C-alpha atoms as a PDB file:
ATOM      1  CA  MET A   1      -0.069   0.126   0.008  1.00  0.00           C
ATOM      2  CA  ASN A   2       1.287   3.424  -0.888  1.00  0.00           C
ATOM      3  CA  GLU A   3       0.846   5.848   1.886  1.00  0.00           C
ATOM      4  CA  THR A   4       1.138   9.524   1.307  1.00  0.00           C
ATOM      5  CA  LEU A   5       3.065  11.871   3.520  1.00  0.00           C
ATOM      6  CA  PHE A   6       0.854  14.875   2.690  1.00  0.00           C
ATOM      7  CA  VAL A   7      -1.337  16.001   5.743  1.00  0.00           C
ATOM      8  CA  PRO A   8      -3.906  18.524   4.794  1.00  0.00           C
ATOM      9  CA  PHE A   9      -4.082  21.753   6.738  1.00  0.00           C
ATOM     10  CA  LYS A  10      -7.008  21.889   9.106  1.00  0.00           C
ATOM     11  CA  PRO A  11      -7.553  25.226  10.843  1.00  0.00           C
ATOM     12  CA  LYS A  12      -8.722  25.206  14.360  1.00  0.00           C
ATOM     13  CA  ASN A  13     -11.778  27.191  15.546  1.00  0.00           C
ATOM     14  CA  LEU A  14     -12.227  28.937  12.255  1.00  0.00           C
ATOM     15  CA  ASP A  15     -15.374  30.962  11.556  1.00  0.00           C
ATOM     16  CA  ARG A  16     -14.217  32.339   8.207  1.00  0.00           C
ATOM     17  CA  TYR A  17     -11.255  32.080   6.117  1.00  0.00           C
ATOM     18  CA  PRO A  18      -8.778  35.047   5.877  1.00  0.00           C
ATOM     19  CA  ARG A  19      -8.636  36.960   2.578  1.00  0.00           C
ATOM     20  CA  LEU A  20      -5.461  36.676   0.556  1.00  0.00           C
ATOM     21  CA  ASP A  21      -4.416  40.178   1.013  1.00  0.00           C
ATOM     22  CA  THR A  22      -4.488  39.804   4.892  1.00  0.00           C
ATOM     23  CA  VAL A  23      -2.427  36.614   4.599  1.00  0.00           C
ATOM     24  CA  LEU A  24       0.065  38.561   2.577  1.00  0.00           C
ATOM     25  CA  MET A  25       0.094  41.343   4.963  1.00  0.00           C
ATOM     26  CA  VAL A  26       0.950  39.004   7.854  1.00  0.00           C
ATOM     27  CA  GLU A  27       3.543  37.356   5.891  1.00  0.00           C
ATOM     28  CA  GLY A  28       5.150  40.654   5.037  1.00  0.00           C
ATOM     29  CA  GLU A  29       5.115  41.910   8.749  1.00  0.00           C
ATOM     30  CA  ILE A  30       6.642  38.381   9.976  1.00  0.00           C
ATOM     31  CA  HIS A  31       9.455  38.706   7.316  1.00  0.00           C
ATOM     32  CA  LYS A  32      10.110  42.282   8.190  1.00  0.00           C
ATOM     33  CA  SER A  33      10.494  41.204  12.023  1.00  0.00           C
ATOM     34  CA  ARG A  34      13.700  39.298  11.363  1.00  0.00           C
ATOM     35  CA  GLY A  35      12.886  36.836  14.428  1.00  0.00           C
ATOM     36  CA  ASP A  36      13.019  39.279  17.106  1.00  0.00           C
ATOM     37  CA  LYS A  37       9.210  40.019  17.591  1.00  0.00           C
ATOM     38  CA  THR A  38       6.678  37.763  19.426  1.00  0.00           C
ATOM     39  CA  LEU A  39       3.327  36.879  17.885  1.00  0.00           C
ATOM     40  CA  HIS A  40       1.596  39.591  19.912  1.00  0.00           C
ATOM     41  CA  LYS A  41       4.118  42.452  18.916  1.00  0.00           C
ATOM     42  CA  ILE A  42       3.751  41.303  15.332  1.00  0.00           C
ATOM     43  CA  TRP A  43      -0.076  41.381  15.570  1.00  0.00           C
ATOM     44  CA  LYS A  44      -0.090  44.814  17.145  1.00  0.00           C
ATOM     45  CA  SER A  45       2.314  46.327  14.341  1.00  0.00           C
ATOM     46  CA  LEU A  46       0.099  45.203  11.441  1.00  0.00           C
ATOM     47  CA  PRO A  47      -0.980  48.082   9.229  1.00  0.00           C
ATOM     48  CA  LYS A  48      -4.605  47.018   9.403  1.00  0.00           C
ATOM     49  CA  GLN A  49      -6.476  45.560  12.343  1.00  0.00           C
ATOM     50  CA  VAL A  50      -6.939  41.802  12.010  1.00  0.00           C
ATOM     51  CA  MET A  51      -8.891  39.647  14.609  1.00  0.00           C
ATOM     52  CA  TRP A  52      -6.534  37.517  16.862  1.00  0.00           C
ATOM     53  CA  GLY A  53      -8.220  34.281  15.769  1.00  0.00           C
ATOM     54  CA  THR A  54      -7.732  35.223  12.147  1.00  0.00           C
ATOM     55  CA  PHE A  55      -4.054  36.132  12.704  1.00  0.00           C
ATOM     56  CA  LEU A  56      -3.493  32.857  14.563  1.00  0.00           C
ATOM     57  CA  THR A  57      -5.068  30.838  11.754  1.00  0.00           C
ATOM     58  CA  ILE A  58      -2.610  32.557   9.256  1.00  0.00           C
ATOM     59  CA  VAL A  59       0.364  31.947  11.395  1.00  0.00           C
ATOM     60  CA  ASP A  60      -0.763  28.305  11.830  1.00  0.00           C
ATOM     61  CA  TYR A  61      -0.864  28.005   8.090  1.00  0.00           C
ATOM     62  CA  LEU A  62       2.503  29.655   7.535  1.00  0.00           C
ATOM     63  CA  GLU A  63       4.110  27.151  10.056  1.00  0.00           C
ATOM     64  CA  TYR A  64       2.357  24.180   8.269  1.00  0.00           C
ATOM     65  CA  SER A  65       3.531  25.410   4.880  1.00  0.00           C
ATOM     66  CA  GLY A  66       7.082  25.788   6.144  1.00  0.00           C
ATOM     67  CA  LYS A  67       7.432  29.469   5.861  1.00  0.00           C
ATOM     68  CA  VAL A  68       7.878  30.244   9.599  1.00  0.00           C
ATOM     69  CA  LEU A  69       9.114  28.873  12.880  1.00  0.00           C
ATOM     70  CA  ILE A  70       7.520  29.466  16.164  1.00  0.00           C
ATOM     71  CA  HIS A  71       9.987  29.348  19.024  1.00  0.00           C
ATOM     72  CA  LYS A  72       9.069  28.560  22.682  1.00  0.00           C
ATOM     73  CA  ASP A  73       9.260  32.178  23.653  1.00  0.00           C
ATOM     74  CA  ARG A  74       6.494  32.939  21.032  1.00  0.00           C
ATOM     75  CA  THR A  75       9.038  34.750  18.660  1.00  0.00           C
ATOM     76  CA  VAL A  76       8.555  34.039  14.948  1.00  0.00           C
ATOM     77  CA  SER A  77      11.314  33.406  12.537  1.00  0.00           C
ATOM     78  CA  TRP A  78      10.953  33.461   8.704  1.00  0.00           C
ATOM     79  CA  ILE A  79      12.594  30.426   7.403  1.00  0.00           C
ATOM     80  CA  TRP A  80      11.276  30.076   3.776  1.00  0.00           C
ATOM     81  CA  ASN A  81      14.002  30.702   1.129  1.00  0.00           C
ATOM     82  CA  PRO A  82      12.646  31.035  -2.315  1.00  0.00           C
ATOM     83  CA  ALA A  83      15.916  31.995  -3.889  1.00  0.00           C
ATOM     84  CA  GLY A  84      17.559  28.672  -2.423  1.00  0.00           C
ATOM     85  CA  VAL A  85      14.614  26.575  -3.929  1.00  0.00           C
ATOM     86  CA  ARG A  86      15.137  28.371  -7.293  1.00  0.00           C
ATOM     87  CA  ARG A  87      18.816  27.622  -7.180  1.00  0.00           C
ATOM     88  CA  ILE A  88      18.091  23.905  -6.397  1.00  0.00           C
ATOM     89  CA  LEU A  89      15.414  23.755  -9.057  1.00  0.00           C
ATOM     90  CA  GLY A  90      17.647  25.510 -11.741  1.00  0.00           C
ATOM     91  CA  ASN A  91      20.533  22.968 -11.074  1.00  0.00           C
ATOM     92  CA  PRO A  92      19.917  19.764 -13.260  1.00  0.00           C
ATOM     93  CA  LYS A  93      22.497  17.760 -11.139  1.00  0.00           C
ATOM     94  CA  LEU A  94      20.401  18.227  -7.962  1.00  0.00           C
ATOM     95  CA  VAL A  95      16.850  17.717  -9.321  1.00  0.00           C
ATOM     96  CA  VAL A  96      15.815  14.257 -10.534  1.00  0.00           C
ATOM     97  CA  ARG A  97      13.131  14.708 -13.243  1.00  0.00           C
END
């Protein structure tokens, strides 16, 4: 039997889904924080108000997708490196097709 390693994202306590512009806004703010801000400080520094539950849903999704890492002290680090991925995909010796 072939088991898949893909685990679908299941948001917790979600009344409605965040809009794409809100997700991108949170992504940008986390990326700018350089890993020295807590979740609460990032939430407070957003240019537009976002409900706390919606913010946490976005952060959960970003963690699930491998873009951020949440530390024990609740600081957030951006770990996604698209330039590195492009470098790997562009190198025929590293990618099996």
